[in-house]
Amino acid sequence: MKPIKFSREETKAIVGEIQDYFREELDQDIGAIPAEMLMLFFADKMGAYYYNRGVYDAQGVIRERIENLTDELFALEQPTKHLR
């Protein structure tokens, strides 16, 4: 898996979320640089877990859609004397 990279705008938004969390939940102020370092740590060490969860969820959606599509295709069959 290639490293997770965020755009400048995404990084700014994530850093803001981290700062808000520290302020609201921990009653602590955290600067932009430590917040970005924390974001990079989580992206590096935990990112694969979140990425894999997204892959598993996408596989489940695709599996469900294929099953539905297969059912719909079978419903289109016309009756014949030929047995499958």
N, C-alpha and C. Protein backbone atom coordinates (compact mmCIF):
# COMPACT_ATOMS: atom_id res chain seq x y z
N MET A 1 0.85 -1.17 0.00
CA MET A 1 0.00 0.00 0.00
C MET A 1 0.90 1.23 0.00
N LYS A 2 0.61 2.14 -0.89
CA LYS A 2 1.40 3.37 -0.90
C LYS A 2 0.97 4.27 0.25
N PRO A 3 1.86 5.14 0.69
CA PRO A 3 1.54 6.00 1.84
C PRO A 3 0.32 6.87 1.58
N ILE A 4 -0.42 7.12 2.64
CA ILE A 4 -1.60 7.99 2.56
C ILE A 4 -1.12 9.43 2.50
N LYS A 5 -1.56 10.15 1.50
CA LYS A 5 -1.20 11.56 1.34
C LYS A 5 -2.48 12.38 1.33
N PHE A 6 -2.45 13.50 2.01
CA PHE A 6 -3.58 14.40 2.04
C PHE A 6 -3.19 15.71 1.36
N SER A 7 -4.17 16.33 0.73
CA SER A 7 -3.92 17.65 0.13
C SER A 7 -3.70 18.66 1.25
N ARG A 8 -3.22 19.82 0.89
CA ARG A 8 -3.00 20.89 1.87
C ARG A 8 -4.31 21.24 2.58
N GLU A 9 -5.41 21.30 1.79
CA GLU A 9 -6.71 21.64 2.37
C GLU A 9 -7.19 20.55 3.33
N GLU A 10 -7.00 19.29 2.93
CA GLU A 10 -7.40 18.18 3.80
C GLU A 10 -6.59 18.19 5.09
N THR A 11 -5.29 18.40 4.96
CA THR A 11 -4.42 18.45 6.13
C THR A 11 -4.86 19.55 7.08
N LYS A 12 -5.15 20.72 6.53
CA LYS A 12 -5.60 21.84 7.35
C LYS A 12 -6.89 21.49 8.09
N ALA A 13 -7.83 20.84 7.39
CA ALA A 13 -9.10 20.45 8.00
C ALA A 13 -8.88 19.41 9.10
N ILE A 14 -8.04 18.42 8.85
CA ILE A 14 -7.78 17.37 9.84
C ILE A 14 -7.10 17.96 11.06
N VAL A 15 -6.10 18.80 10.84
CA VAL A 15 -5.41 19.46 11.95
C VAL A 15 -6.41 20.25 12.79
N GLY A 16 -7.31 20.95 12.15
CA GLY A 16 -8.35 21.69 12.87
C GLY A 16 -9.23 20.77 13.70
N GLU A 17 -9.59 19.61 13.13
CA GLU A 17 -10.40 18.64 13.87
C GLU A 17 -9.66 18.13 15.10
N ILE A 18 -8.37 17.86 14.96
CA ILE A 18 -7.56 17.39 16.09
C ILE A 18 -7.49 18.47 17.16
N GLN A 19 -7.24 19.69 16.74
CA GLN A 19 -7.18 20.80 17.70
C GLN A 19 -8.51 20.98 18.43
N ASP A 20 -9.61 20.90 17.69
CA ASP A 20 -10.94 21.00 18.30
C ASP A 20 -11.16 19.89 19.32
N TYR A 21 -10.77 18.66 18.95
CA TYR A 21 -10.94 17.52 19.85
C TYR A 21 -10.17 17.74 21.15
N PHE A 22 -8.91 18.12 21.03
CA PHE A 22 -8.10 18.34 22.23
C PHE A 22 -8.71 19.43 23.11
N ARG A 23 -9.18 20.49 22.48
CA ARG A 23 -9.75 21.61 23.23
C ARG A 23 -11.07 21.21 23.90
N GLU A 24 -11.96 20.54 23.16
CA GLU A 24 -13.30 20.23 23.66
C GLU A 24 -13.32 19.02 24.59
N GLU A 25 -12.57 17.99 24.25
CA GLU A 25 -12.64 16.74 25.02
C GLU A 25 -11.58 16.63 26.11
N LEU A 26 -10.42 17.24 25.87
CA LEU A 26 -9.33 17.09 26.82
C LEU A 26 -8.97 18.39 27.54
N ASP A 27 -9.68 19.46 27.17
CA ASP A 27 -9.43 20.78 27.74
C ASP A 27 -7.94 21.14 27.64
N GLN A 28 -7.36 20.85 26.47
CA GLN A 28 -5.94 21.12 26.20
C GLN A 28 -5.84 21.83 24.86
N ASP A 29 -4.91 22.74 24.77
CA ASP A 29 -4.60 23.35 23.48
C ASP A 29 -3.44 22.60 22.86
N ILE A 30 -3.52 22.37 21.56
CA ILE A 30 -2.44 21.71 20.84
C ILE A 30 -2.17 22.57 19.61
N GLY A 31 -0.91 22.81 19.35
CA GLY A 31 -0.53 23.63 18.21
C GLY A 31 -0.71 22.89 16.90
N ALA A 32 -0.61 23.64 15.81
CA ALA A 32 -0.80 23.06 14.49
C ALA A 32 0.27 22.02 14.16
N ILE A 33 1.51 22.28 14.53
CA ILE A 33 2.59 21.33 14.20
C ILE A 33 2.42 20.02 14.98
N PRO A 34 2.20 20.04 16.31
CA PRO A 34 1.96 18.77 17.00
C PRO A 34 0.71 18.05 16.49
N ALA A 35 -0.32 18.81 16.15
CA ALA A 35 -1.54 18.19 15.63
C ALA A 35 -1.26 17.51 14.29
N GLU A 36 -0.48 18.16 13.44
CA GLU A 36 -0.13 17.54 12.15
C GLU A 36 0.76 16.32 12.36
N MET A 37 1.66 16.39 13.33
CA MET A 37 2.50 15.22 13.64
C MET A 37 1.64 14.06 14.11
N LEU A 38 0.63 14.35 14.92
CA LEU A 38 -0.29 13.30 15.38
C LEU A 38 -1.06 12.72 14.21
N MET A 39 -1.52 13.59 13.30
CA MET A 39 -2.22 13.12 12.11
C MET A 39 -1.33 12.20 11.28
N LEU A 40 -0.08 12.59 11.08
CA LEU A 40 0.85 11.78 10.29
C LEU A 40 1.14 10.45 10.97
N PHE A 41 1.23 10.46 12.30
CA PHE A 41 1.42 9.22 13.05
C PHE A 41 0.27 8.26 12.80
N PHE A 42 -0.97 8.78 12.96
CA PHE A 42 -2.13 7.92 12.75
C PHE A 42 -2.23 7.46 11.30
N ALA A 43 -1.92 8.32 10.36
CA ALA A 43 -1.96 7.93 8.95
C ALA A 43 -0.96 6.81 8.69
N ASP A 44 0.24 6.93 9.29
CA ASP A 44 1.29 5.95 9.07
C ASP A 44 1.00 4.63 9.80
N LYS A 45 0.62 4.72 11.06
CA LYS A 45 0.48 3.52 11.89
C LYS A 45 -0.92 2.91 11.87
N MET A 46 -1.95 3.72 11.68
CA MET A 46 -3.32 3.22 11.75
C MET A 46 -4.05 3.28 10.41
N GLY A 47 -3.50 4.02 9.47
CA GLY A 47 -4.17 4.23 8.20
C GLY A 47 -4.56 2.95 7.50
N ALA A 48 -3.67 1.95 7.54
CA ALA A 48 -3.95 0.68 6.85
C ALA A 48 -5.18 -0.01 7.43
N TYR A 49 -5.40 0.13 8.74
CA TYR A 49 -6.58 -0.49 9.35
C TYR A 49 -7.87 0.14 8.81
N TYR A 50 -7.87 1.47 8.73
CA TYR A 50 -9.04 2.17 8.21
C TYR A 50 -9.22 1.90 6.71
N TYR A 51 -8.11 1.88 6.00
CA TYR A 51 -8.14 1.60 4.57
C TYR A 51 -8.72 0.20 4.32
N ASN A 52 -8.22 -0.78 5.07
CA ASN A 52 -8.70 -2.16 4.90
C ASN A 52 -10.18 -2.27 5.25
N ARG A 53 -10.62 -1.56 6.27
CA ARG A 53 -12.05 -1.60 6.63
C ARG A 53 -12.88 -1.07 5.47
N GLY A 54 -12.41 0.00 4.83
CA GLY A 54 -13.10 0.54 3.66
C GLY A 54 -13.14 -0.46 2.52
N VAL A 55 -12.03 -1.18 2.31
CA VAL A 55 -11.99 -2.21 1.27
C VAL A 55 -12.99 -3.31 1.59
N TYR A 56 -13.02 -3.77 2.85
CA TYR A 56 -13.96 -4.83 3.23
C TYR A 56 -15.41 -4.38 3.05
N ASP A 57 -15.69 -3.15 3.43
CA ASP A 57 -17.04 -2.62 3.27
C ASP A 57 -17.42 -2.54 1.79
N ALA A 58 -16.48 -2.09 0.96
CA ALA A 58 -16.74 -2.01 -0.49
C ALA A 58 -16.96 -3.41 -1.07
N GLN A 59 -16.19 -4.40 -0.61
CA GLN A 59 -16.38 -5.77 -1.09
C GLN A 59 -17.78 -6.27 -0.74
N GLY A 60 -18.25 -5.95 0.45
CA GLY A 60 -19.59 -6.36 0.86
C GLY A 60 -20.66 -5.74 -0.01
N VAL A 61 -20.50 -4.46 -0.32
CA VAL A 61 -21.48 -3.78 -1.19
C VAL A 61 -21.47 -4.41 -2.58
N ILE A 62 -20.29 -4.65 -3.12
CA ILE A 62 -20.18 -5.25 -4.46
C ILE A 62 -20.78 -6.65 -4.46
N ARG A 63 -20.47 -7.44 -3.42
CA ARG A 63 -21.02 -8.80 -3.32
C ARG A 63 -22.54 -8.77 -3.31
N GLU A 64 -23.12 -7.86 -2.54
CA GLU A 64 -24.57 -7.74 -2.46
C GLU A 64 -25.17 -7.32 -3.80
N ARG A 65 -24.53 -6.38 -4.46
CA ARG A 65 -25.04 -5.92 -5.76
C ARG A 65 -24.94 -7.01 -6.82
N ILE A 66 -23.87 -7.80 -6.79
CA ILE A 66 -23.73 -8.90 -7.75
C ILE A 66 -24.82 -9.94 -7.50
N GLU A 67 -25.10 -10.24 -6.23
CA GLU A 67 -26.17 -11.20 -5.93
C GLU A 67 -27.51 -10.68 -6.44
N ASN A 68 -27.78 -9.40 -6.22
CA ASN A 68 -29.04 -8.81 -6.71
C ASN A 68 -29.09 -8.84 -8.24
N LEU A 69 -27.98 -8.52 -8.87
CA LEU A 69 -27.92 -8.53 -10.33
C LEU A 69 -28.13 -9.94 -10.87
N THR A 70 -27.53 -10.92 -10.23
CA THR A 70 -27.70 -12.32 -10.65
C THR A 70 -29.17 -12.72 -10.54
N ASP A 71 -29.82 -12.35 -9.45
CA ASP A 71 -31.25 -12.65 -9.29
C ASP A 71 -32.07 -11.99 -10.39
N GLU A 72 -31.75 -10.75 -10.70
CA GLU A 72 -32.48 -10.03 -11.75
C GLU A 72 -32.26 -10.68 -13.12
N LEU A 73 -31.04 -11.15 -13.37
CA LEU A 73 -30.77 -11.81 -14.65
C LEU A 73 -31.54 -13.12 -14.76
N PHE A 74 -31.58 -13.90 -13.69
CA PHE A 74 -32.36 -15.14 -13.71
C PHE A 74 -33.84 -14.85 -13.94
N ALA A 75 -34.33 -13.73 -13.41
CA ALA A 75 -35.73 -13.37 -13.58
C ALA A 75 -36.05 -13.04 -15.04
N LEU A 76 -35.05 -12.69 -15.83
CA LEU A 76 -35.25 -12.37 -17.24
C LEU A 76 -35.36 -13.61 -18.13
N GLU A 77 -34.94 -14.76 -17.61
CA GLU A 77 -34.97 -15.98 -18.42
C GLU A 77 -36.39 -16.31 -18.85
N GLN A 78 -36.48 -16.80 -20.07
CA GLN A 78 -37.76 -17.24 -20.62
C GLN A 78 -37.82 -18.77 -20.47
N PRO A 79 -39.00 -19.29 -20.24
CA PRO A 79 -39.12 -20.75 -20.08
C PRO A 79 -38.82 -21.48 -21.39
N THR A 80 -38.10 -22.56 -21.31
CA THR A 80 -37.82 -23.42 -22.46
C THR A 80 -37.92 -24.86 -22.00
N LYS A 81 -37.83 -25.79 -22.97
CA LYS A 81 -37.86 -27.21 -22.64
C LYS A 81 -36.48 -27.69 -22.17
N HIS A 82 -35.48 -26.87 -22.42
CA HIS A 82 -34.12 -27.22 -22.01
C HIS A 82 -33.96 -26.98 -20.52
N LEU A 83 -33.46 -27.99 -19.84
CA LEU A 83 -33.19 -27.87 -18.40
C LEU A 83 -31.73 -27.55 -18.20
N ARG A 84 -31.47 -26.69 -17.32
CA ARG A 84 -30.06 -26.37 -17.03
C ARG A 84 -29.42 -27.45 -16.25
